Amino acid sequence: MSCEDLVCAGCAHPVAEGRCPRCRAYRERMHQNAFGGLTPAIFSLLLIALFLTLALKHLSGA
């Protein structure tokens, strides 16, 4: 989910526009990601790739 999809409860405008202090604060919080900018989808793909790599290594006997 991105801030373009959210509507502010304070001013009833899109959060992406940042019209009020609450919008601006939430937009900043949404753009600061703990994983260095990785979206949840990319993070999930990386975990799946790691799992598949380990599974193939285990099945090949190495």
PDB file of N, CA and C in Angstrom:
ATOM      1  N   MET A   1       0.857  -1.171   0.000  1.00  0.00           N
ATOM      2  CA  MET A   1       0.000   0.000   0.000  1.00  0.00           C
ATOM      3  C   MET A   1       0.903   1.234   0.000  1.00  0.00           C
ATOM      4  N   SER A   2       0.503   2.220  -0.746  1.00  0.00           N
ATOM      5  CA  SER A   2       1.273   3.455  -0.802  1.00  0.00           C
ATOM      6  C   SER A   2       0.413   4.611  -0.301  1.00  0.00           C
ATOM      7  N   CYS A   3       1.069   5.745  -0.079  1.00  0.00           N
ATOM      8  CA  CYS A   3       0.334   6.892   0.453  1.00  0.00           C
ATOM      9  C   CYS A   3      -0.623   7.479  -0.590  1.00  0.00           C
ATOM     10  N   GLU A   4      -0.473   7.106  -1.862  1.00  0.00           N
ATOM     11  CA  GLU A   4      -1.415   7.570  -2.883  1.00  0.00           C
ATOM     12  C   GLU A   4      -2.790   6.936  -2.689  1.00  0.00           C
ATOM     13  N   ASP A   5      -2.827   5.780  -2.027  1.00  0.00           N
ATOM     14  CA  ASP A   5      -4.079   5.054  -1.822  1.00  0.00           C
ATOM     15  C   ASP A   5      -4.812   5.472  -0.554  1.00  0.00           C
ATOM     16  N   LEU A   6      -4.167   6.262   0.303  1.00  0.00           N
ATOM     17  CA  LEU A   6      -4.739   6.588   1.607  1.00  0.00           C
ATOM     18  C   LEU A   6      -5.380   7.967   1.621  1.00  0.00           C
ATOM     19  N   VAL A   7      -6.441   8.097   2.418  1.00  0.00           N
ATOM     20  CA  VAL A   7      -7.115   9.374   2.612  1.00  0.00           C
ATOM     21  C   VAL A   7      -6.939   9.768   4.070  1.00  0.00           C
ATOM     22  N   CYS A   8      -6.563  11.008   4.306  1.00  0.00           N
ATOM     23  CA  CYS A   8      -6.318  11.516   5.657  1.00  0.00           C
ATOM     24  C   CYS A   8      -7.634  11.664   6.413  1.00  0.00           C
ATOM     25  N   ALA A   9      -7.635  11.219   7.669  1.00  0.00           N
ATOM     26  CA  ALA A   9      -8.825  11.363   8.502  1.00  0.00           C
ATOM     27  C   ALA A   9      -9.009  12.803   8.971  1.00  0.00           C
ATOM     28  N   GLY A  10      -7.934  13.578   8.951  1.00  0.00           N
ATOM     29  CA  GLY A  10      -8.013  14.961   9.428  1.00  0.00           C
ATOM     30  C   GLY A  10      -8.544  15.933   8.393  1.00  0.00           C
ATOM     31  N   CYS A  11      -8.022  15.836   7.158  1.00  0.00           N
ATOM     32  CA  CYS A  11      -8.416  16.823   6.148  1.00  0.00           C
ATOM     33  C   CYS A  11      -9.211  16.216   4.988  1.00  0.00           C
ATOM     34  N   ALA A  12      -9.351  14.891   4.955  1.00  0.00           N
ATOM     35  CA  ALA A  12     -10.121  14.164   3.935  1.00  0.00           C
ATOM     36  C   ALA A  12      -9.568  14.337   2.524  1.00  0.00           C
ATOM     37  N   HIS A  13      -8.268  14.548   2.409  1.00  0.00           N
ATOM     38  CA  HIS A  13      -7.589  14.611   1.114  1.00  0.00           C
ATOM     39  C   HIS A  13      -6.575  13.473   1.032  1.00  0.00           C
ATOM     40  N   PRO A  14      -6.103  13.155  -0.164  1.00  0.00           N
ATOM     41  CA  PRO A  14      -5.096  12.094  -0.276  1.00  0.00           C
ATOM     42  C   PRO A  14      -3.842  12.424   0.531  1.00  0.00           C
ATOM     43  N   VAL A  15      -3.313  11.428   1.218  1.00  0.00           N
ATOM     44  CA  VAL A  15      -2.114  11.615   2.033  1.00  0.00           C
ATOM     45  C   VAL A  15      -0.942  12.043   1.162  1.00  0.00           C
ATOM     46  N   ALA A  16      -0.898  11.590  -0.093  1.00  0.00           N
ATOM     47  CA  ALA A  16       0.202  11.931  -0.987  1.00  0.00           C
ATOM     48  C   ALA A  16       0.314  13.436  -1.222  1.00  0.00           C
ATOM     49  N   GLU A  17      -0.794  14.156  -1.104  1.00  0.00           N
ATOM     50  CA  GLU A  17      -0.755  15.603  -1.309  1.00  0.00           C
ATOM     51  C   GLU A  17      -0.126  16.333  -0.129  1.00  0.00           C
ATOM     52  N   GLY A  18      -0.189  15.766   1.067  1.00  0.00           N
ATOM     53  CA  GLY A  18       0.419  16.366   2.251  1.00  0.00           C
ATOM     54  C   GLY A  18      -0.139  17.729   2.613  1.00  0.00           C
ATOM     55  N   ARG A  19      -1.448  17.871   2.618  1.00  0.00           N
ATOM     56  CA  ARG A  19      -2.070  19.176   2.880  1.00  0.00           C
ATOM     57  C   ARG A  19      -2.031  19.599   4.334  1.00  0.00           C
ATOM     58  N   CYS A  20      -2.038  18.636   5.258  1.00  0.00           N
ATOM     59  CA  CYS A  20      -2.016  18.995   6.674  1.00  0.00           C
ATOM     60  C   CYS A  20      -0.796  18.344   7.340  1.00  0.00           C
ATOM     61  N   PRO A  21      -0.444  18.770   8.555  1.00  0.00           N
ATOM     62  CA  PRO A  21       0.720  18.182   9.245  1.00  0.00           C
ATOM     63  C   PRO A  21       0.593  16.668   9.448  1.00  0.00           C
ATOM     64  N   ARG A  22      -0.627  16.191   9.686  1.00  0.00           N
ATOM     65  CA  ARG A  22      -0.837  14.759   9.868  1.00  0.00           C
ATOM     66  C   ARG A  22      -0.522  13.997   8.579  1.00  0.00           C
ATOM     67  N   CYS A  23      -0.957  14.522   7.440  1.00  0.00           N
ATOM     68  CA  CYS A  23      -0.658  13.900   6.138  1.00  0.00           C
ATOM     69  C   CYS A  23       0.844  13.850   5.903  1.00  0.00           C
ATOM     70  N   ARG A  24       1.506  14.982   6.128  1.00  0.00           N
ATOM     71  CA  ARG A  24       2.945  15.054   5.878  1.00  0.00           C
ATOM     72  C   ARG A  24       3.710  14.084   6.769  1.00  0.00           C
ATOM     73  N   ALA A  25       3.317  13.992   8.036  1.00  0.00           N
ATOM     74  CA  ALA A  25       3.999  13.083   8.954  1.00  0.00           C
ATOM     75  C   ALA A  25       3.802  11.628   8.535  1.00  0.00           C
ATOM     76  N   TYR A  26       2.592  11.261   8.159  1.00  0.00           N
ATOM     77  CA  TYR A  26       2.347   9.880   7.753  1.00  0.00           C
ATOM     78  C   TYR A  26       3.043   9.550   6.438  1.00  0.00           C
ATOM     79  N   ARG A  27       3.066  10.509   5.518  1.00  0.00           N
ATOM     80  CA  ARG A  27       3.761  10.294   4.247  1.00  0.00           C
ATOM     81  C   ARG A  27       5.243  10.046   4.487  1.00  0.00           C
ATOM     82  N   GLU A  28       5.855  10.808   5.387  1.00  0.00           N
ATOM     83  CA  GLU A  28       7.266  10.600   5.720  1.00  0.00           C
ATOM     84  C   GLU A  28       7.488   9.233   6.350  1.00  0.00           C
ATOM     85  N   ARG A  29       6.587   8.848   7.230  1.00  0.00           N
ATOM     86  CA  ARG A  29       6.711   7.544   7.890  1.00  0.00           C
ATOM     87  C   ARG A  29       6.567   6.408   6.885  1.00  0.00           C
ATOM     88  N   MET A  30       5.688   6.575   5.910  1.00  0.00           N
ATOM     89  CA  MET A  30       5.513   5.543   4.884  1.00  0.00           C
ATOM     90  C   MET A  30       6.760   5.419   4.008  1.00  0.00           C
ATOM     91  N   HIS A  31       7.458   6.509   3.774  1.00  0.00           N
ATOM     92  CA  HIS A  31       8.613   6.501   2.881  1.00  0.00           C
ATOM     93  C   HIS A  31       9.885   6.067   3.580  1.00  0.00           C
ATOM     94  N   GLN A  32       9.893   6.028   4.896  1.00  0.00           N
ATOM     95  CA  GLN A  32      11.038   5.517   5.646  1.00  0.00           C
ATOM     96  C   GLN A  32      10.762   4.060   5.951  1.00  0.00           C
ATOM     97  N   ASN A  33      11.509   3.191   5.312  1.00  0.00           N
ATOM     98  CA  ASN A  33      11.273   1.765   5.453  1.00  0.00           C
ATOM     99  C   ASN A  33      12.421   1.134   6.218  1.00  0.00           C
ATOM    100  N   ALA A  34      12.128   0.232   7.133  1.00  0.00           N
ATOM    101  CA  ALA A  34      13.149  -0.418   7.952  1.00  0.00           C
ATOM    102  C   ALA A  34      14.055  -1.336   7.139  1.00  0.00           C
ATOM    103  N   PHE A  35      13.636  -1.762   5.963  1.00  0.00           N
ATOM    104  CA  PHE A  35      14.425  -2.681   5.161  1.00  0.00           C
ATOM    105  C   PHE A  35      15.178  -1.967   4.038  1.00  0.00           C
ATOM    106  N   GLY A  36      15.494  -0.716   4.213  1.00  0.00           N
ATOM    107  CA  GLY A  36      16.286   0.016   3.227  1.00  0.00           C
ATOM    108  C   GLY A  36      15.546   0.286   1.929  1.00  0.00           C
ATOM    109  N   GLY A  37      14.248   0.466   1.980  1.00  0.00           N
ATOM    110  CA  GLY A  37      13.476   0.771   0.787  1.00  0.00           C
ATOM    111  C   GLY A  37      12.873  -0.433   0.097  1.00  0.00           C
ATOM    112  N   LEU A  38      13.067  -1.626   0.650  1.00  0.00           N
ATOM    113  CA  LEU A  38      12.480  -2.818   0.045  1.00  0.00           C
ATOM    114  C   LEU A  38      10.980  -2.852   0.320  1.00  0.00           C
ATOM    115  N   THR A  39      10.229  -3.080  -0.711  1.00  0.00           N
ATOM    116  CA  THR A  39       8.796  -3.241  -0.517  1.00  0.00           C
ATOM    117  C   THR A  39       8.534  -4.645   0.026  1.00  0.00           C
ATOM    118  N   PRO A  40       7.407  -4.866   0.655  1.00  0.00           N
ATOM    119  CA  PRO A  40       7.108  -6.211   1.162  1.00  0.00           C
ATOM    120  C   PRO A  40       7.124  -7.280   0.064  1.00  0.00           C
ATOM    121  N   ALA A  41       6.712  -6.919  -1.148  1.00  0.00           N
ATOM    122  CA  ALA A  41       6.706  -7.899  -2.234  1.00  0.00           C
ATOM    123  C   ALA A  41       8.130  -8.309  -2.607  1.00  0.00           C
ATOM    124  N   ILE A  42       9.027  -7.353  -2.718  1.00  0.00           N
ATOM    125  CA  ILE A  42      10.417  -7.666  -3.061  1.00  0.00           C
ATOM    126  C   ILE A  42      11.069  -8.451  -1.931  1.00  0.00           C
ATOM    127  N   PHE A  43      10.801  -8.064  -0.691  1.00  0.00           N
ATOM    128  CA  PHE A  43      11.335  -8.787   0.455  1.00  0.00           C
ATOM    129  C   PHE A  43      10.862 -10.243   0.440  1.00  0.00           C
ATOM    130  N   SER A  44       9.586 -10.463   0.121  1.00  0.00           N
ATOM    131  CA  SER A  44       9.045 -11.825   0.043  1.00  0.00           C
ATOM    132  C   SER A  44       9.719 -12.621  -1.070  1.00  0.00           C
ATOM    133  N   LEU A  45       9.933 -11.992  -2.211  1.00  0.00           N
ATOM    134  CA  LEU A  45      10.616 -12.677  -3.313  1.00  0.00           C
ATOM    135  C   LEU A  45      12.034 -13.064  -2.936  1.00  0.00           C
ATOM    136  N   LEU A  46      12.728 -12.211  -2.209  1.00  0.00           N
ATOM    137  CA  LEU A  46      14.081 -12.541  -1.765  1.00  0.00           C
ATOM    138  C   LEU A  46      14.077 -13.723  -0.799  1.00  0.00           C
ATOM    139  N   LEU A  47      13.099 -13.762   0.097  1.00  0.00           N
ATOM    140  CA  LEU A  47      12.996 -14.901   1.012  1.00  0.00           C
ATOM    141  C   LEU A  47      12.690 -16.202   0.273  1.00  0.00           C
ATOM    142  N   ILE A  48      11.818 -16.136  -0.719  1.00  0.00           N
ATOM    143  CA  ILE A  48      11.490 -17.329  -1.516  1.00  0.00           C
ATOM    144  C   ILE A  48      12.719 -17.795  -2.281  1.00  0.00           C
ATOM    145  N   ALA A  49      13.475 -16.868  -2.862  1.00  0.00           N
ATOM    146  CA  ALA A  49      14.693 -17.233  -3.597  1.00  0.00           C
ATOM    147  C   ALA A  49      15.704 -17.892  -2.658  1.00  0.00           C
ATOM    148  N   LEU A  50      15.845 -17.362  -1.466  1.00  0.00           N
ATOM    149  CA  LEU A  50      16.759 -17.963  -0.492  1.00  0.00           C
ATOM    150  C   LEU A  50      16.303 -19.374  -0.127  1.00  0.00           C
ATOM    151  N   PHE A  51      15.017 -19.536   0.119  1.00  0.00           N
ATOM    152  CA  PHE A  51      14.480 -20.855   0.447  1.00  0.00           C
ATOM    153  C   PHE A  51      14.721 -21.847  -0.681  1.00  0.00           C
ATOM    154  N   LEU A  52      14.447 -21.448  -1.918  1.00  0.00           N
ATOM    155  CA  LEU A  52      14.650 -22.343  -3.058  1.00  0.00           C
ATOM    156  C   LEU A  52      16.121 -22.708  -3.235  1.00  0.00           C
ATOM    157  N   THR A  53      17.003 -21.754  -3.028  1.00  0.00           N
ATOM    158  CA  THR A  53      18.435 -22.021  -3.134  1.00  0.00           C
ATOM    159  C   THR A  53      18.868 -23.045  -2.094  1.00  0.00           C
ATOM    160  N   LEU A  54      18.415 -22.872  -0.862  1.00  0.00           N
ATOM    161  CA  LEU A  54      18.770 -23.825   0.190  1.00  0.00           C
ATOM    162  C   LEU A  54      18.154 -25.198  -0.067  1.00  0.00           C
ATOM    163  N   ALA A  55      16.925 -25.236  -0.566  1.00  0.00           N
ATOM    164  CA  ALA A  55      16.269 -26.514  -0.854  1.00  0.00           C
ATOM    165  C   ALA A  55      16.993 -27.254  -1.977  1.00  0.00           C
ATOM    166  N   LEU A  56      17.374 -26.547  -3.029  1.00  0.00           N
ATOM    167  CA  LEU A  56      18.095 -27.190  -4.136  1.00  0.00           C
ATOM    168  C   LEU A  56      19.471 -27.684  -3.687  1.00  0.00           C
ATOM    169  N   LYS A  57      20.129 -26.913  -2.846  1.00  0.00           N
ATOM    170  CA  LYS A  57      21.431 -27.320  -2.336  1.00  0.00           C
ATOM    171  C   LYS A  57      21.285 -28.592  -1.494  1.00  0.00           C
ATOM    172  N   HIS A  58      20.233 -28.651  -0.684  1.00  0.00           N
ATOM    173  CA  HIS A  58      20.000 -29.827   0.156  1.00  0.00           C
ATOM    174  C   HIS A  58      19.653 -31.054  -0.701  1.00  0.00           C
ATOM    175  N   LEU A  59      18.828 -30.871  -1.729  1.00  0.00           N
ATOM    176  CA  LEU A  59      18.408 -32.000  -2.573  1.00  0.00           C
ATOM    177  C   LEU A  59      19.552 -32.520  -3.437  1.00  0.00           C
ATOM    178  N   SER A  60      20.493 -31.662  -3.802  1.00  0.00           N
ATOM    179  CA  SER A  60      21.601 -32.103  -4.644  1.00  0.00           C
ATOM    180  C   SER A  60      22.682 -32.810  -3.826  1.00  0.00           C
ATOM    181  N   GLY A  61      22.567 -32.750  -2.501  1.00  0.00           N
ATOM    182  CA  GLY A  61      23.509 -33.458  -1.646  1.00  0.00           C
ATOM    183  C   GLY A  61      24.773 -32.690  -1.346  1.00  0.00           C
ATOM    184  N   ALA A  62      24.822 -31.451  -1.698  1.00  0.00           N
ATOM    185  CA  ALA A  62      26.038 -30.668  -1.449  1.00  0.00           C
ATOM    186  C   ALA A  62      26.061 -30.115  -0.050  1.00  0.00           C
TER     187      ALA A  62
END
